[in-house]
Amino acid sequence: RNGELPGNPAQGLRAPKAPRKLPQVLDADEMTRLVEVPTDGPLGLRDRAMLELFYSSGLRLSELCALRWRELDLAESLVSVTGKGNKGRIVPVGSHAVTALSKWKSASAGKSDAPVFPGRGGATISPRAVQLRLRQLAQQQGIWKRVHPHLLRHSFASHVLESSGDLRGVQELLGHADIATTQIYTHLDFQHLAKVYDAAHPRARRKP
């Protein structure tokens, strides 16, 4: 009557989900350029150790800031961290990171209970200080992407998955409670494979 509908025709329909934005990553060459900052002086040694550890072990910013020397086993190349939900995990530390951390420990005379990366007054470094320093180092190294701590974690996860194909292993390394959180990196890995396919397959190459 009077052109009115008896009910709402859209009732019960769900709005389409917005596509999930893929995390940006640094490629292996960019990552190498970033971590290889000059190590002249204590600040350079600290920066190198911090960058190597971020990329080597995929730590969260909060985990790196809270880290103390007693939680690093440089002889066994392991780091023990407490992540979200107060859950602990043990993560491997790569050889380059072990070397950088050993040099930084010698330079800083780091004691067992001291923060690995102290801030003012010897307390743990603030997350903001790390964020600002990463931005400065990226520009210094000629990387113009927006570099932040989580970008290094994304890069770690993407590169490990690309090399190993082991999603469950990456989940454990990152400390994700739900593997669905880790699955975002499979899309990044597929993007890489698609680029390889486009470049290599004779029937995939686009004509100029």
C-alpha atoms as a PDB file:
ATOM      1  CA  ARG A   1       0.000   0.000   0.000  1.00  0.00           C
ATOM      2  CA  ASN A   2       1.300   3.432  -0.957  1.00  0.00           C
ATOM      3  CA  GLY A   3       4.462   1.766  -2.312  1.00  0.00           C
ATOM      4  CA  GLU A   4       5.544   0.597   1.145  1.00  0.00           C
ATOM      5  CA  LEU A   5       7.413  -2.678   1.537  1.00  0.00           C
ATOM      6  CA  PRO A   6       6.149  -5.121   4.144  1.00  0.00           C
ATOM      7  CA  GLY A   7       9.585  -5.408   5.703  1.00  0.00           C
ATOM      8  CA  ASN A   8      13.225  -4.501   5.382  1.00  0.00           C
ATOM      9  CA  PRO A   9      14.626  -6.433   2.392  1.00  0.00           C
ATOM     10  CA  ALA A  10      18.169  -6.033   3.734  1.00  0.00           C
ATOM     11  CA  GLN A  11      17.338  -7.521   7.118  1.00  0.00           C
ATOM     12  CA  GLY A  12      19.531 -10.498   7.880  1.00  0.00           C
ATOM     13  CA  LEU A  13      22.126  -9.594   5.262  1.00  0.00           C
ATOM     14  CA  ARG A  14      25.679  -9.172   6.436  1.00  0.00           C
ATOM     15  CA  ALA A  15      27.884  -6.390   5.175  1.00  0.00           C
ATOM     16  CA  PRO A  16      30.876  -7.695   3.245  1.00  0.00           C
ATOM     17  CA  LYS A  17      34.084  -7.825   5.241  1.00  0.00           C
ATOM     18  CA  ALA A  18      36.648  -5.217   4.327  1.00  0.00           C
ATOM     19  CA  PRO A  19      39.769  -6.833   2.906  1.00  0.00           C
ATOM     20  CA  ARG A  20      42.407  -7.291   5.574  1.00  0.00           C
ATOM     21  CA  LYS A  21      45.341  -4.992   4.999  1.00  0.00           C
ATOM     22  CA  LEU A  22      48.555  -6.921   4.546  1.00  0.00           C
ATOM     23  CA  PRO A  23      51.458  -5.833   6.732  1.00  0.00           C
ATOM     24  CA  GLN A  24      54.307  -4.078   4.977  1.00  0.00           C
ATOM     25  CA  VAL A  25      57.728  -5.715   5.208  1.00  0.00           C
ATOM     26  CA  LEU A  26      61.321  -4.921   4.328  1.00  0.00           C
ATOM     27  CA  ASP A  27      62.877  -7.267   1.806  1.00  0.00           C
ATOM     28  CA  ALA A  28      66.082  -9.128   2.700  1.00  0.00           C
ATOM     29  CA  ASP A  29      68.354  -6.538   1.077  1.00  0.00           C
ATOM     30  CA  GLU A  30      66.647  -3.645   2.872  1.00  0.00           C
ATOM     31  CA  MET A  31      66.807  -5.528   6.151  1.00  0.00           C
ATOM     32  CA  THR A  32      70.519  -6.199   5.731  1.00  0.00           C
ATOM     33  CA  ARG A  33      71.146  -2.547   4.946  1.00  0.00           C
ATOM     34  CA  LEU A  34      69.218  -1.484   8.035  1.00  0.00           C
ATOM     35  CA  VAL A  35      70.939  -3.764  10.549  1.00  0.00           C
ATOM     36  CA  GLU A  36      74.445  -3.012   9.280  1.00  0.00           C
ATOM     37  CA  VAL A  37      74.642   0.369  10.984  1.00  0.00           C
ATOM     38  CA  PRO A  38      78.116   1.685  11.879  1.00  0.00           C
ATOM     39  CA  THR A  39      79.320   0.335  15.222  1.00  0.00           C
ATOM     40  CA  ASP A  40      81.815   3.037  16.147  1.00  0.00           C
ATOM     41  CA  GLY A  41      81.189   3.945  19.765  1.00  0.00           C
ATOM     42  CA  PRO A  42      78.807   2.582  22.427  1.00  0.00           C
ATOM     43  CA  LEU A  43      75.674   3.998  20.783  1.00  0.00           C
ATOM     44  CA  GLY A  44      76.500   2.277  17.502  1.00  0.00           C
ATOM     45  CA  LEU A  45      77.112  -1.033  19.286  1.00  0.00           C
ATOM     46  CA  ARG A  46      73.781  -0.704  21.085  1.00  0.00           C
ATOM     47  CA  ASP A  47      71.899   0.146  17.900  1.00  0.00           C
ATOM     48  CA  ARG A  48      73.433  -2.783  16.027  1.00  0.00           C
ATOM     49  CA  ALA A  49      72.599  -5.203  18.856  1.00  0.00           C
ATOM     50  CA  MET A  50      69.034  -3.914  19.062  1.00  0.00           C
ATOM     51  CA  LEU A  51      68.408  -4.191  15.309  1.00  0.00           C
ATOM     52  CA  GLU A  52      70.020  -7.623  15.025  1.00  0.00           C
ATOM     53  CA  LEU A  53      67.947  -8.963  17.928  1.00  0.00           C
ATOM     54  CA  PHE A  54      64.688  -7.526  16.565  1.00  0.00           C
ATOM     55  CA  TYR A  55      65.249  -9.169  13.181  1.00  0.00           C
ATOM     56  CA  SER A  56      66.866 -12.359  14.480  1.00  0.00           C
ATOM     57  CA  SER A  57      64.163 -13.293  16.962  1.00  0.00           C
ATOM     58  CA  GLY A  58      61.013 -11.400  15.943  1.00  0.00           C
ATOM     59  CA  LEU A  59      60.495  -9.840  19.364  1.00  0.00           C
ATOM     60  CA  ARG A  60      57.673  -7.459  20.167  1.00  0.00           C
ATOM     61  CA  LEU A  61      58.687  -3.933  21.139  1.00  0.00           C
ATOM     62  CA  SER A  62      57.533  -4.485  24.734  1.00  0.00           C
ATOM     63  CA  GLU A  63      59.558  -7.713  24.943  1.00  0.00           C
ATOM     64  CA  LEU A  64      62.751  -6.058  23.735  1.00  0.00           C
ATOM     65  CA  CYS A  65      62.372  -3.074  26.073  1.00  0.00           C
ATOM     66  CA  ALA A  66      61.832  -5.304  29.124  1.00  0.00           C
ATOM     67  CA  LEU A  67      64.668  -7.729  28.338  1.00  0.00           C
ATOM     68  CA  ARG A  68      67.406  -8.271  30.936  1.00  0.00           C
ATOM     69  CA  TRP A  69      70.777  -9.911  30.460  1.00  0.00           C
ATOM     70  CA  ARG A  70      69.841 -12.910  32.609  1.00  0.00           C
ATOM     71  CA  GLU A  71      67.176 -13.791  30.015  1.00  0.00           C
ATOM     72  CA  LEU A  72      69.758 -14.006  27.226  1.00  0.00           C
ATOM     73  CA  ASP A  73      71.847 -17.167  26.913  1.00  0.00           C
ATOM     74  CA  LEU A  74      74.459 -16.095  24.391  1.00  0.00           C
ATOM     75  CA  ALA A  75      76.394 -19.362  24.746  1.00  0.00           C
ATOM     76  CA  GLU A  76      73.324 -21.343  23.668  1.00  0.00           C
ATOM     77  CA  SER A  77      72.003 -18.623  21.312  1.00  0.00           C
ATOM     78  CA  LEU A  78      68.632 -18.401  23.051  1.00  0.00           C
ATOM     79  CA  VAL A  79      66.467 -15.660  24.521  1.00  0.00           C
ATOM     80  CA  SER A  80      63.649 -16.144  27.028  1.00  0.00           C
ATOM     81  CA  VAL A  81      60.833 -13.607  26.789  1.00  0.00           C
ATOM     82  CA  THR A  82      57.457 -13.050  28.402  1.00  0.00           C
ATOM     83  CA  GLY A  83      54.839 -12.075  25.848  1.00  0.00           C
ATOM     84  CA  LYS A  84      51.139 -11.288  25.794  1.00  0.00           C
ATOM     85  CA  GLY A  85      49.038 -12.900  28.487  1.00  0.00           C
ATOM     86  CA  ASN A  86      52.208 -13.337  30.576  1.00  0.00           C
ATOM     87  CA  LYS A  87      53.142 -16.344  28.433  1.00  0.00           C
ATOM     88  CA  GLY A  88      56.809 -17.191  28.232  1.00  0.00           C
ATOM     89  CA  ARG A  89      58.636 -18.587  25.225  1.00  0.00           C
ATOM     90  CA  ILE A  90      62.218 -19.348  24.268  1.00  0.00           C
ATOM     91  CA  VAL A  91      63.375 -18.102  20.880  1.00  0.00           C
ATOM     92  CA  PRO A  92      66.629 -18.771  18.986  1.00  0.00           C
ATOM     93  CA  VAL A  93      69.080 -15.909  18.496  1.00  0.00           C
ATOM     94  CA  GLY A  94      71.016 -15.841  15.220  1.00  0.00           C
ATOM     95  CA  SER A  95      74.815 -15.774  15.073  1.00  0.00           C
ATOM     96  CA  HIS A  96      75.004 -12.156  13.874  1.00  0.00           C
ATOM     97  CA  ALA A  97      72.782 -11.078  16.767  1.00  0.00           C
ATOM     98  CA  VAL A  98      74.848 -13.087  19.276  1.00  0.00           C
ATOM     99  CA  THR A  99      78.023 -11.365  18.064  1.00  0.00           C
ATOM    100  CA  ALA A 100      76.427  -7.903  18.217  1.00  0.00           C
ATOM    101  CA  LEU A 101      74.969  -8.537  21.679  1.00  0.00           C
ATOM    102  CA  SER A 102      78.295  -9.867  22.999  1.00  0.00           C
ATOM    103  CA  LYS A 103      80.097  -6.721  21.835  1.00  0.00           C
ATOM    104  CA  TRP A 104      77.397  -4.512  23.336  1.00  0.00           C
ATOM    105  CA  LYS A 105      77.516  -6.405  26.641  1.00  0.00           C
ATOM    106  CA  SER A 106      81.291  -5.929  26.865  1.00  0.00           C
ATOM    107  CA  ALA A 107      80.999  -2.226  26.065  1.00  0.00           C
ATOM    108  CA  SER A 108      78.153  -1.606  28.517  1.00  0.00           C
ATOM    109  CA  ALA A 109      79.451  -3.886  31.305  1.00  0.00           C
ATOM    110  CA  GLY A 110      75.968  -5.368  31.448  1.00  0.00           C
ATOM    111  CA  LYS A 111      75.234  -7.190  34.709  1.00  0.00           C
ATOM    112  CA  SER A 112      72.848 -10.129  34.953  1.00  0.00           C
ATOM    113  CA  ASP A 113      69.884  -8.190  36.317  1.00  0.00           C
ATOM    114  CA  ALA A 114      70.475  -5.056  34.234  1.00  0.00           C
ATOM    115  CA  PRO A 115      68.327  -4.184  31.213  1.00  0.00           C
ATOM    116  CA  VAL A 116      69.933  -5.194  27.924  1.00  0.00           C
ATOM    117  CA  PHE A 117      68.980  -1.800  26.510  1.00  0.00           C
ATOM    118  CA  PRO A 118      68.912   0.708  29.382  1.00  0.00           C
ATOM    119  CA  GLY A 119      67.346   4.119  29.128  1.00  0.00           C
ATOM    120  CA  ARG A 120      67.964   7.169  31.260  1.00  0.00           C
ATOM    121  CA  GLY A 121      69.073   6.439  34.795  1.00  0.00           C
ATOM    122  CA  GLY A 122      69.662   2.769  34.004  1.00  0.00           C
ATOM    123  CA  ALA A 123      65.963   1.882  33.802  1.00  0.00           C
ATOM    124  CA  THR A 124      64.569  -0.034  30.839  1.00  0.00           C
ATOM    125  CA  ILE A 125      64.486   1.942  27.609  1.00  0.00           C
ATOM    126  CA  SER A 126      61.104   3.436  26.714  1.00  0.00           C
ATOM    127  CA  PRO A 127      59.167   2.115  23.700  1.00  0.00           C
ATOM    128  CA  ARG A 128      58.982   5.655  22.328  1.00  0.00           C
ATOM    129  CA  ALA A 129      62.771   6.020  22.427  1.00  0.00           C
ATOM    130  CA  VAL A 130      63.161   2.793  20.421  1.00  0.00           C
ATOM    131  CA  GLN A 131      60.562   3.888  17.862  1.00  0.00           C
ATOM    132  CA  LEU A 132      62.257   7.248  17.309  1.00  0.00           C
ATOM    133  CA  ARG A 133      65.707   5.680  17.069  1.00  0.00           C
ATOM    134  CA  LEU A 134      64.543   3.139  14.480  1.00  0.00           C
ATOM    135  CA  ARG A 135      63.124   5.924  12.357  1.00  0.00           C
ATOM    136  CA  GLN A 136      66.422   7.823  12.546  1.00  0.00           C
ATOM    137  CA  LEU A 137      68.488   4.740  11.695  1.00  0.00           C
ATOM    138  CA  ALA A 138      66.296   3.857   8.717  1.00  0.00           C
ATOM    139  CA  GLN A 139      66.755   7.318   7.228  1.00  0.00           C
ATOM    140  CA  GLN A 140      70.479   7.186   7.977  1.00  0.00           C
ATOM    141  CA  GLN A 141      70.690   3.881   6.068  1.00  0.00           C
ATOM    142  CA  GLY A 142      68.716   5.218   3.104  1.00  0.00           C
ATOM    143  CA  ILE A 143      65.466   3.344   3.758  1.00  0.00           C
ATOM    144  CA  TRP A 144      62.470   5.593   3.184  1.00  0.00           C
ATOM    145  CA  LYS A 145      59.692   3.229   4.200  1.00  0.00           C
ATOM    146  CA  ARG A 146      58.050   3.941   7.545  1.00  0.00           C
ATOM    147  CA  VAL A 147      60.244   1.725   9.707  1.00  0.00           C
ATOM    148  CA  HIS A 148      58.916   0.796  13.155  1.00  0.00           C
ATOM    149  CA  PRO A 149      59.452  -2.144  15.543  1.00  0.00           C
ATOM    150  CA  HIS A 150      56.472  -4.143  14.302  1.00  0.00           C
ATOM    151  CA  LEU A 151      57.718  -3.809  10.720  1.00  0.00           C
ATOM    152  CA  LEU A 152      60.856  -5.685  11.788  1.00  0.00           C
ATOM    153  CA  ARG A 153      58.679  -8.384  13.387  1.00  0.00           C
ATOM    154  CA  HIS A 154      56.616  -8.625  10.182  1.00  0.00           C
ATOM    155  CA  SER A 155      59.818  -8.899   8.143  1.00  0.00           C
ATOM    156  CA  PHE A 156      61.177 -11.633  10.435  1.00  0.00           C
ATOM    157  CA  ALA A 157      57.974 -13.667  10.132  1.00  0.00           C
ATOM    158  CA  SER A 158      57.677 -13.229   6.381  1.00  0.00           C
ATOM    159  CA  HIS A 159      61.300 -14.178   5.686  1.00  0.00           C
ATOM    160  CA  VAL A 160      61.227 -17.250   7.963  1.00  0.00           C
ATOM    161  CA  LEU A 161      57.962 -18.459   6.424  1.00  0.00           C
ATOM    162  CA  GLU A 162      59.259 -17.826   2.908  1.00  0.00           C
ATOM    163  CA  SER A 163      62.351 -19.938   3.608  1.00  0.00           C
ATOM    164  CA  SER A 164      60.759 -22.714   5.661  1.00  0.00           C
ATOM    165  CA  GLY A 165      57.072 -22.901   4.725  1.00  0.00           C
ATOM    166  CA  ASP A 166      56.437 -23.875   8.374  1.00  0.00           C
ATOM    167  CA  LEU A 167      53.451 -21.825   9.533  1.00  0.00           C
ATOM    168  CA  ARG A 168      53.177 -23.616  12.885  1.00  0.00           C
ATOM    169  CA  GLY A 169      56.843 -22.960  13.594  1.00  0.00           C
ATOM    170  CA  VAL A 170      56.437 -19.261  12.825  1.00  0.00           C
ATOM    171  CA  GLN A 171      53.432 -19.174  15.163  1.00  0.00           C
ATOM    172  CA  GLU A 172      55.583 -20.549  17.999  1.00  0.00           C
ATOM    173  CA  LEU A 173      58.441 -18.139  17.294  1.00  0.00           C
ATOM    174  CA  LEU A 174      56.090 -15.144  17.320  1.00  0.00           C
ATOM    175  CA  GLY A 175      54.209 -16.316  20.412  1.00  0.00           C
ATOM    176  CA  HIS A 176      50.795 -16.171  18.733  1.00  0.00           C
ATOM    177  CA  ALA A 177      48.091 -17.955  20.725  1.00  0.00           C
ATOM    178  CA  ASP A 178      45.938 -18.436  17.609  1.00  0.00           C
ATOM    179  CA  ILE A 179      47.404 -19.619  14.316  1.00  0.00           C
ATOM    180  CA  ALA A 180      44.823 -17.468  12.508  1.00  0.00           C
ATOM    181  CA  THR A 181      46.885 -14.450  13.602  1.00  0.00           C
ATOM    182  CA  THR A 182      49.942 -15.948  11.920  1.00  0.00           C
ATOM    183  CA  GLN A 183      48.113 -16.822   8.705  1.00  0.00           C
ATOM    184  CA  ILE A 184      48.310 -13.224   7.468  1.00  0.00           C
ATOM    185  CA  TYR A 185      51.933 -14.019   6.576  1.00  0.00           C
ATOM    186  CA  THR A 186      50.860 -16.780   4.195  1.00  0.00           C
ATOM    187  CA  HIS A 187      49.358 -14.038   2.009  1.00  0.00           C
ATOM    188  CA  LEU A 188      52.679 -12.223   1.979  1.00  0.00           C
ATOM    189  CA  ASP A 189      54.432 -15.464   1.039  1.00  0.00           C
ATOM    190  CA  PHE A 190      51.930 -16.030  -1.769  1.00  0.00           C
ATOM    191  CA  GLN A 191      52.635 -12.531  -3.073  1.00  0.00           C
ATOM    192  CA  HIS A 192      56.325 -13.431  -3.266  1.00  0.00           C
ATOM    193  CA  LEU A 193      55.583 -16.708  -5.051  1.00  0.00           C
ATOM    194  CA  ALA A 194      53.308 -14.921  -7.499  1.00  0.00           C
ATOM    195  CA  LYS A 195      56.115 -12.503  -8.371  1.00  0.00           C
ATOM    196  CA  VAL A 196      58.520 -15.410  -8.908  1.00  0.00           C
ATOM    197  CA  TYR A 197      55.942 -17.135 -11.116  1.00  0.00           C
ATOM    198  CA  ASP A 198      55.269 -14.014 -13.168  1.00  0.00           C
ATOM    199  CA  ALA A 199      58.983 -13.491 -13.711  1.00  0.00           C
ATOM    200  CA  ALA A 200      59.894 -17.111 -14.468  1.00  0.00           C
ATOM    201  CA  HIS A 201      56.990 -18.858 -16.196  1.00  0.00           C
ATOM    202  CA  PRO A 202      57.053 -18.386 -19.986  1.00  0.00           C
ATOM    203  CA  ARG A 203      53.256 -18.306 -20.213  1.00  0.00           C
ATOM    204  CA  ALA A 204      52.933 -15.837 -17.342  1.00  0.00           C
ATOM    205  CA  ARG A 205      55.077 -13.076 -18.766  1.00  0.00           C
ATOM    206  CA  ARG A 206      53.072 -10.126 -19.894  1.00  0.00           C
ATOM    207  CA  LYS A 207      53.720  -8.876 -23.396  1.00  0.00           C
ATOM    208  CA  PRO A 208      55.100  -5.321 -23.543  1.00  0.00           C
END
